[in-house]
């Protein structure tokens, strides 16, 4: 099976834009499953964990705590098999 590196992005999180990234829950080299939490975002209304859309190994983080994230923001690069 071939592996490929893909971008994991923030999914549709409703009506939120430019939400604060509070915490990254994964690091480079971590193996994650689908729906594992990747990071925590916090708006003035709520905090939410952003789940992974794919299973694989985190190769590179593209965002850091203190940054702002919106739908489509790249969270990390992940090596997936398939």
PDB file of N, CA and C in Angstrom:
ATOM      1  N   UNK A   1       0.833  -1.197   0.000  1.00  0.00           N
ATOM      2  CA  UNK A   1       0.000   0.000   0.000  1.00  0.00           C
ATOM      3  C   UNK A   1       0.872   1.253   0.000  1.00  0.00           C
ATOM      4  N   UNK A   2       0.460   2.191  -0.785  1.00  0.00           N
ATOM      5  CA  UNK A   2       1.175   3.461  -0.854  1.00  0.00           C
ATOM      6  C   UNK A   2       0.691   4.388   0.253  1.00  0.00           C
ATOM      7  N   UNK A   3       1.621   5.154   0.785  1.00  0.00           N
ATOM      8  CA  UNK A   3       1.204   6.189   1.725  1.00  0.00           C
ATOM      9  C   UNK A   3       1.332   7.536   1.037  1.00  0.00           C
ATOM     10  N   UNK A   4       0.549   8.472   1.501  1.00  0.00           N
ATOM     11  CA  UNK A   4       0.638   9.825   0.973  1.00  0.00           C
ATOM     12  C   UNK A   4       0.481  10.808   2.113  1.00  0.00           C
ATOM     13  N   UNK A   5       0.990  12.007   1.912  1.00  0.00           N
ATOM     14  CA  UNK A   5       0.880  13.051   2.915  1.00  0.00           C
ATOM     15  C   UNK A   5      -0.217  14.007   2.473  1.00  0.00           C
ATOM     16  N   UNK A   6      -1.177  14.218   3.361  1.00  0.00           N
ATOM     17  CA  UNK A   6      -2.303  15.093   3.045  1.00  0.00           C
ATOM     18  C   UNK A   6      -2.419  16.197   4.090  1.00  0.00           C
ATOM     19  N   UNK A   7      -3.108  17.266   3.712  1.00  0.00           N
ATOM     20  CA  UNK A   7      -3.397  18.348   4.650  1.00  0.00           C
ATOM     21  C   UNK A   7      -4.659  18.007   5.437  1.00  0.00           C
ATOM     22  N   UNK A   8      -4.580  18.136   6.750  1.00  0.00           N
ATOM     23  CA  UNK A   8      -5.765  18.004   7.598  1.00  0.00           C
ATOM     24  C   UNK A   8      -6.217  19.419   7.942  1.00  0.00           C
ATOM     25  N   UNK A   9      -7.477  19.724   7.632  1.00  0.00           N
ATOM     26  CA  UNK A   9      -7.983  21.087   7.786  1.00  0.00           C
ATOM     27  C   UNK A   9      -9.101  21.146   8.815  1.00  0.00           C
ATOM     28  N   UNK A  10      -9.326  22.352   9.318  1.00  0.00           N
ATOM     29  CA  UNK A  10     -10.447  22.575  10.230  1.00  0.00           C
ATOM     30  C   UNK A  10     -11.746  22.346   9.455  1.00  0.00           C
ATOM     31  N   UNK A  11     -12.627  21.475   9.971  1.00  0.00           N
ATOM     32  CA  UNK A  11     -13.895  21.217   9.286  1.00  0.00           C
ATOM     33  C   UNK A  11     -14.867  22.383   9.486  1.00  0.00           C
ATOM     34  N   UNK A  12     -16.060  22.248   8.986  1.00  0.00           N
ATOM     35  CA  UNK A  12     -17.102  23.242   9.218  1.00  0.00           C
ATOM     36  C   UNK A  12     -17.404  23.287  10.711  1.00  0.00           C
ATOM     37  N   UNK A  13     -17.104  24.408  11.344  1.00  0.00           N
ATOM     38  CA  UNK A  13     -17.324  24.534  12.793  1.00  0.00           C
ATOM     39  C   UNK A  13     -18.455  25.513  13.069  1.00  0.00           C
ATOM     40  N   UNK A  14     -19.361  25.621  12.110  1.00  0.00           N
ATOM     41  CA  UNK A  14     -20.504  26.500  12.320  1.00  0.00           C
ATOM     42  C   UNK A  14     -20.152  27.923  11.952  1.00  0.00           C
ATOM     43  N   UNK A  15     -20.668  28.837  12.718  1.00  0.00           N
ATOM     44  CA  UNK A  15     -20.596  30.243  12.369  1.00  0.00           C
ATOM     45  C   UNK A  15     -19.346  30.917  12.909  1.00  0.00           C
ATOM     46  N   UNK A  16     -18.280  30.149  13.134  1.00  0.00           N
ATOM     47  CA  UNK A  16     -17.096  30.706  13.777  1.00  0.00           C
ATOM     48  C   UNK A  16     -16.023  31.022  12.744  1.00  0.00           C
ATOM     49  N   UNK A  17     -15.370  32.172  12.919  1.00  0.00           N
ATOM     50  CA  UNK A  17     -14.219  32.546  12.097  1.00  0.00           C
ATOM     51  C   UNK A  17     -13.158  33.134  13.016  1.00  0.00           C
ATOM     52  N   UNK A  18     -11.901  32.895  12.676  1.00  0.00           N
ATOM     53  CA  UNK A  18     -10.793  33.460  13.443  1.00  0.00           C
ATOM     54  C   UNK A  18     -10.925  33.144  14.928  1.00  0.00           C
ATOM     55  N   UNK A  19     -11.088  31.843  15.219  1.00  0.00           N
ATOM     56  CA  UNK A  19     -11.240  31.370  16.591  1.00  0.00           C
ATOM     57  C   UNK A  19      -9.849  31.077  17.156  1.00  0.00           C
ATOM     58  N   UNK A  20      -9.654  31.374  18.434  1.00  0.00           N
ATOM     59  CA  UNK A  20      -8.348  31.166  19.061  1.00  0.00           C
ATOM     60  C   UNK A  20      -8.005  29.686  19.193  1.00  0.00           C
ATOM     61  N   UNK A  21      -6.775  29.335  18.820  1.00  0.00           N
ATOM     62  CA  UNK A  21      -6.243  27.997  19.074  1.00  0.00           C
ATOM     63  C   UNK A  21      -5.680  27.994  20.493  1.00  0.00           C
ATOM     64  N   UNK A  22      -6.295  27.216  21.377  1.00  0.00           N
ATOM     65  CA  UNK A  22      -5.900  27.185  22.785  1.00  0.00           C
ATOM     66  C   UNK A  22      -4.804  26.149  23.025  1.00  0.00           C
ATOM     67  N   UNK A  23      -4.945  24.986  22.399  1.00  0.00           N
ATOM     68  CA  UNK A  23      -4.035  23.877  22.700  1.00  0.00           C
ATOM     69  C   UNK A  23      -3.963  22.931  21.515  1.00  0.00           C
ATOM     70  N   UNK A  24      -2.751  22.452  21.231  1.00  0.00           N
ATOM     71  CA  UNK A  24      -2.582  21.354  20.274  1.00  0.00           C
ATOM     72  C   UNK A  24      -2.513  20.063  21.076  1.00  0.00           C
ATOM     73  N   UNK A  25      -3.271  19.059  20.633  1.00  0.00           N
ATOM     74  CA  UNK A  25      -3.377  17.803  21.378  1.00  0.00           C
ATOM     75  C   UNK A  25      -2.544  16.684  20.757  1.00  0.00           C
ATOM     76  N   UNK A  26      -1.864  16.997  19.660  1.00  0.00           N
ATOM     77  CA  UNK A  26      -0.987  16.018  19.013  1.00  0.00           C
ATOM     78  C   UNK A  26       0.363  16.678  18.760  1.00  0.00           C
ATOM     79  N   UNK A  27       1.367  15.836  18.518  1.00  0.00           N
ATOM     80  CA  UNK A  27       2.679  16.347  18.140  1.00  0.00           C
ATOM     81  C   UNK A  27       3.203  15.521  16.966  1.00  0.00           C
ATOM     82  N   UNK A  28       4.254  16.017  16.344  1.00  0.00           N
ATOM     83  CA  UNK A  28       4.847  15.309  15.212  1.00  0.00           C
ATOM     84  C   UNK A  28       5.238  13.899  15.643  1.00  0.00           C
ATOM     85  N   UNK A  29       4.869  12.926  14.820  1.00  0.00           N
ATOM     86  CA  UNK A  29       5.182  11.532  15.119  1.00  0.00           C
ATOM     87  C   UNK A  29       4.029  10.776  15.751  1.00  0.00           C
ATOM     88  N   UNK A  30       3.015  11.506  16.243  1.00  0.00           N
ATOM     89  CA  UNK A  30       1.862  10.841  16.847  1.00  0.00           C
ATOM     90  C   UNK A  30       1.044  10.106  15.793  1.00  0.00           C
ATOM     91  N   UNK A  31       0.544   8.938  16.153  1.00  0.00           N
ATOM     92  CA  UNK A  31      -0.406   8.205  15.328  1.00  0.00           C
ATOM     93  C   UNK A  31      -1.802   8.529  15.828  1.00  0.00           C
ATOM     94  N   UNK A  32      -2.658   8.977  14.920  1.00  0.00           N
ATOM     95  CA  UNK A  32      -4.020   9.340  15.315  1.00  0.00           C
ATOM     96  C   UNK A  32      -5.036   8.531  14.527  1.00  0.00           C
ATOM     97  N   UNK A  33      -6.187   8.335  15.140  1.00  0.00           N
ATOM     98  CA  UNK A  33      -7.303   7.652  14.499  1.00  0.00           C
ATOM     99  C   UNK A  33      -8.325   8.698  14.053  1.00  0.00           C
ATOM    100  N   UNK A  34      -9.221   8.287  13.180  1.00  0.00           N
ATOM    101  CA  UNK A  34     -10.321   9.155  12.788  1.00  0.00           C
ATOM    102  C   UNK A  34     -11.089   9.565  14.044  1.00  0.00           C
ATOM    103  N   UNK A  35     -11.422  10.825  14.137  1.00  0.00           N
ATOM    104  CA  UNK A  35     -12.179  11.416  15.250  1.00  0.00           C
ATOM    105  C   UNK A  35     -11.349  11.672  16.502  1.00  0.00           C
ATOM    106  N   UNK A  36     -10.053  11.308  16.511  1.00  0.00           N
ATOM    107  CA  UNK A  36      -9.203  11.734  17.627  1.00  0.00           C
ATOM    108  C   UNK A  36      -9.111  13.260  17.605  1.00  0.00           C
ATOM    109  N   UNK A  37      -9.118  13.875  18.767  1.00  0.00           N
ATOM    110  CA  UNK A  37      -9.013  15.333  18.838  1.00  0.00           C
ATOM    111  C   UNK A  37      -7.599  15.781  18.482  1.00  0.00           C
ATOM    112  N   UNK A  38      -7.505  16.786  17.613  1.00  0.00           N
ATOM    113  CA  UNK A  38      -6.212  17.326  17.187  1.00  0.00           C
ATOM    114  C   UNK A  38      -5.851  18.595  17.938  1.00  0.00           C
ATOM    115  N   UNK A  39      -6.852  19.430  18.197  1.00  0.00           N
ATOM    116  CA  UNK A  39      -6.591  20.686  18.884  1.00  0.00           C
ATOM    117  C   UNK A  39      -7.878  21.199  19.494  1.00  0.00           C
ATOM    118  N   UNK A  40      -7.709  22.156  20.406  1.00  0.00           N
ATOM    119  CA  UNK A  40      -8.846  22.791  21.052  1.00  0.00           C
ATOM    120  C   UNK A  40      -8.929  24.244  20.602  1.00  0.00           C
ATOM    121  N   UNK A  41     -10.112  24.637  20.154  1.00  0.00           N
ATOM    122  CA  UNK A  41     -10.387  26.022  19.786  1.00  0.00           C
ATOM    123  C   UNK A  41     -11.302  26.624  20.842  1.00  0.00           C
ATOM    124  N   UNK A  42     -11.183  27.942  21.043  1.00  0.00           N
ATOM    125  CA  UNK A  42     -12.058  28.598  21.999  1.00  0.00           C
ATOM    126  C   UNK A  42     -12.572  29.911  21.416  1.00  0.00           C
ATOM    127  N   UNK A  43     -13.888  30.018  21.350  1.00  0.00           N
ATOM    128  CA  UNK A  43     -14.521  31.279  20.948  1.00  0.00           C
ATOM    129  C   UNK A  43     -15.031  31.953  22.209  1.00  0.00           C
ATOM    130  N   UNK A  44     -15.690  33.094  22.056  1.00  0.00           N
ATOM    131  CA  UNK A  44     -16.239  33.749  23.243  1.00  0.00           C
ATOM    132  C   UNK A  44     -17.425  32.963  23.800  1.00  0.00           C
ATOM    133  N   UNK A  45     -17.973  32.024  23.012  1.00  0.00           N
ATOM    134  CA  UNK A  45     -19.138  31.265  23.447  1.00  0.00           C
ATOM    135  C   UNK A  45     -18.801  29.871  23.978  1.00  0.00           C
ATOM    136  N   UNK A  46     -17.780  29.237  23.408  1.00  0.00           N
ATOM    137  CA  UNK A  46     -17.537  27.835  23.750  1.00  0.00           C
ATOM    138  C   UNK A  46     -16.121  27.433  23.372  1.00  0.00           C
ATOM    139  N   UNK A  47     -15.657  26.317  23.975  1.00  0.00           N
ATOM    140  CA  UNK A  47     -14.428  25.704  23.486  1.00  0.00           C
ATOM    141  C   UNK A  47     -14.803  24.382  22.833  1.00  0.00           C
ATOM    142  N   UNK A  48     -14.048  23.986  21.819  1.00  0.00           N
ATOM    143  CA  UNK A  48     -14.378  22.757  21.101  1.00  0.00           C
ATOM    144  C   UNK A  48     -13.109  22.063  20.660  1.00  0.00           C
ATOM    145  N   UNK A  49     -13.146  20.730  20.727  1.00  0.00           N
ATOM    146  CA  UNK A  49     -12.055  19.922  20.196  1.00  0.00           C
ATOM    147  C   UNK A  49     -12.328  19.651  18.727  1.00  0.00           C
ATOM    148  N   UNK A  50     -11.287  19.784  17.914  1.00  0.00           N
ATOM    149  CA  UNK A  50     -11.411  19.549  16.478  1.00  0.00           C
ATOM    150  C   UNK A  50     -10.929  18.124  16.188  1.00  0.00           C
ATOM    151  N   UNK A  51     -11.805  17.273  15.634  1.00  0.00           N
ATOM    152  CA  UNK A  51     -11.430  15.877  15.390  1.00  0.00           C
ATOM    153  C   UNK A  51     -10.670  15.708  14.079  1.00  0.00           C
ATOM    154  N   UNK A  52      -9.895  14.646  14.006  1.00  0.00           N
ATOM    155  CA  UNK A  52      -9.177  14.327  12.774  1.00  0.00           C
ATOM    156  C   UNK A  52     -10.126  13.689  11.763  1.00  0.00           C
ATOM    157  N   UNK A  53     -10.004  14.113  10.517  1.00  0.00           N
ATOM    158  CA  UNK A  53     -10.830  13.539   9.451  1.00  0.00           C
ATOM    159  C   UNK A  53     -10.222  12.254   8.892  1.00  0.00           C
ATOM    160  N   UNK A  54      -8.963  11.989   9.219  1.00  0.00           N
ATOM    161  CA  UNK A  54      -8.255  10.818   8.691  1.00  0.00           C
ATOM    162  C   UNK A  54      -7.455  10.154   9.805  1.00  0.00           C
ATOM    163  N   UNK A  55      -7.072   8.911   9.568  1.00  0.00           N
ATOM    164  CA  UNK A  55      -6.142   8.205  10.446  1.00  0.00           C
ATOM    165  C   UNK A  55      -4.765   8.243   9.804  1.00  0.00           C
ATOM    166  N   UNK A  56      -3.742   8.391  10.633  1.00  0.00           N
ATOM    167  CA  UNK A  56      -2.391   8.409  10.080  1.00  0.00           C
ATOM    168  C   UNK A  56      -1.396   8.905  11.105  1.00  0.00           C
ATOM    169  N   UNK A  57      -0.235   9.342  10.598  1.00  0.00           N
ATOM    170  CA  UNK A  57       0.853   9.818  11.444  1.00  0.00           C
ATOM    171  C   UNK A  57       1.082  11.300  11.155  1.00  0.00           C
ATOM    172  N   UNK A  58       1.116  12.092  12.221  1.00  0.00           N
ATOM    173  CA  UNK A  58       1.355  13.530  12.075  1.00  0.00           C
ATOM    174  C   UNK A  58       2.795  13.755  11.615  1.00  0.00           C
ATOM    175  N   UNK A  59       2.960  14.432  10.475  1.00  0.00           N
ATOM    176  CA  UNK A  59       4.287  14.689   9.919  1.00  0.00           C
ATOM    177  C   UNK A  59       4.767  16.108  10.200  1.00  0.00           C
ATOM    178  N   UNK A  60       3.833  17.054  10.202  1.00  0.00           N
ATOM    179  CA  UNK A  60       4.215  18.456  10.405  1.00  0.00           C
ATOM    180  C   UNK A  60       3.003  19.218  10.912  1.00  0.00           C
ATOM    181  N   UNK A  61       3.208  20.030  11.953  1.00  0.00           N
ATOM    182  CA  UNK A  61       2.134  20.881  12.458  1.00  0.00           C
ATOM    183  C   UNK A  61       2.185  22.210  11.717  1.00  0.00           C
ATOM    184  N   UNK A  62       1.022  22.709  11.338  1.00  0.00           N
ATOM    185  CA  UNK A  62       0.943  23.931  10.542  1.00  0.00           C
ATOM    186  C   UNK A  62       0.314  25.077  11.319  1.00  0.00           C
ATOM    187  N   UNK A  63       0.002  24.843  12.585  1.00  0.00           N
ATOM    188  CA  UNK A  63      -0.640  25.864  13.398  1.00  0.00           C
ATOM    189  C   UNK A  63      -0.114  25.733  14.816  1.00  0.00           C
ATOM    190  N   UNK A  64      -0.184  26.808  15.561  1.00  0.00           N
ATOM    191  CA  UNK A  64       0.357  26.814  16.920  1.00  0.00           C
ATOM    192  C   UNK A  64      -0.637  27.480  17.866  1.00  0.00           C
ATOM    193  N   UNK A  65      -0.535  27.159  19.159  1.00  0.00           N
ATOM    194  CA  UNK A  65      -1.389  27.848  20.129  1.00  0.00           C
ATOM    195  C   UNK A  65      -1.201  29.360  20.018  1.00  0.00           C
ATOM    196  N   UNK A  66      -2.305  30.076  20.137  1.00  0.00           N
ATOM    197  CA  UNK A  66      -2.258  31.516  20.004  1.00  0.00           C
ATOM    198  C   UNK A  66      -2.637  31.994  18.610  1.00  0.00           C
ATOM    199  N   UNK A  67      -2.625  31.071  17.648  1.00  0.00           N
ATOM    200  CA  UNK A  67      -3.030  31.417  16.288  1.00  0.00           C
ATOM    201  C   UNK A  67      -4.554  31.490  16.207  1.00  0.00           C
ATOM    202  N   UNK A  68      -5.044  31.963  15.084  1.00  0.00           N
ATOM    203  CA  UNK A  68      -6.485  31.995  14.820  1.00  0.00           C
ATOM    204  C   UNK A  68      -6.789  30.947  13.755  1.00  0.00           C
ATOM    205  N   UNK A  69      -7.932  30.272  13.895  1.00  0.00           N
ATOM    206  CA  UNK A  69      -8.308  29.238  12.929  1.00  0.00           C
ATOM    207  C   UNK A  69      -9.747  29.462  12.483  1.00  0.00           C
ATOM    208  N   UNK A  70     -10.010  29.113  11.229  1.00  0.00           N
ATOM    209  CA  UNK A  70     -11.352  29.142  10.653  1.00  0.00           C
ATOM    210  C   UNK A  70     -11.538  27.864   9.854  1.00  0.00           C
ATOM    211  N   UNK A  71     -12.756  27.649   9.361  1.00  0.00           N
ATOM    212  CA  UNK A  71     -12.978  26.494   8.491  1.00  0.00           C
ATOM    213  C   UNK A  71     -11.978  26.538   7.337  1.00  0.00           C
ATOM    214  N   UNK A  72     -11.303  25.406   7.085  1.00  0.00           N
ATOM    215  CA  UNK A  72     -10.346  25.323   5.986  1.00  0.00           C
ATOM    216  C   UNK A  72      -8.909  25.612   6.373  1.00  0.00           C
ATOM    217  N   UNK A  73      -8.685  26.113   7.592  1.00  0.00           N
ATOM    218  CA  UNK A  73      -7.318  26.338   8.064  1.00  0.00           C
ATOM    219  C   UNK A  73      -6.606  24.992   8.161  1.00  0.00           C
ATOM    220  N   UNK A  74      -5.374  24.914   7.644  1.00  0.00           N
ATOM    221  CA  UNK A  74      -4.605  23.667   7.716  1.00  0.00           C
ATOM    222  C   UNK A  74      -4.067  23.493   9.135  1.00  0.00           C
ATOM    223  N   UNK A  75      -4.382  22.334   9.735  1.00  0.00           N
ATOM    224  CA  UNK A  75      -3.917  22.024  11.091  1.00  0.00           C
ATOM    225  C   UNK A  75      -2.546  21.349  11.029  1.00  0.00           C
ATOM    226  N   UNK A  76      -2.450  20.322  10.172  1.00  0.00           N
ATOM    227  CA  UNK A  76      -1.207  19.561  10.115  1.00  0.00           C
ATOM    228  C   UNK A  76      -1.117  18.827   8.782  1.00  0.00           C
ATOM    229  N   UNK A  77       0.060  18.298   8.515  1.00  0.00           N
ATOM    230  CA  UNK A  77       0.247  17.363   7.416  1.00  0.00           C
ATOM    231  C   UNK A  77       0.299  15.978   8.024  1.00  0.00           C
ATOM    232  N   UNK A  78      -0.434  15.035   7.413  1.00  0.00           N
ATOM    233  CA  UNK A  78      -0.534  13.689   7.958  1.00  0.00           C
ATOM    234  C   UNK A  78      -0.230  12.669   6.879  1.00  0.00           C
ATOM    235  N   UNK A  79       0.575  11.675   7.248  1.00  0.00           N
ATOM    236  CA  UNK A  79       0.862  10.559   6.341  1.00  0.00           C
ATOM    237  C   UNK A  79      -0.226   9.512   6.533  1.00  0.00           C
ATOM    238  N   UNK A  80      -0.960   9.237   5.469  1.00  0.00           N
ATOM    239  CA  UNK A  80      -2.040   8.255   5.528  1.00  0.00           C
ATOM    240  C   UNK A  80      -1.720   7.111   4.562  1.00  0.00           C
ATOM    241  N   UNK A  81      -2.220   5.943   4.877  1.00  0.00           N
ATOM    242  CA  UNK A  81      -2.025   4.774   4.030  1.00  0.00           C
ATOM    243  C   UNK A  81      -3.337   4.463   3.341  1.00  0.00           C
ATOM    244  N   UNK A  82      -3.284   4.226   2.035  1.00  0.00           N
ATOM    245  CA  UNK A  82      -4.511   3.903   1.351  1.00  0.00           C
ATOM    246  C   UNK A  82      -4.481   4.336  -0.095  1.00  0.00           C
TER     247      UNK A  82
END
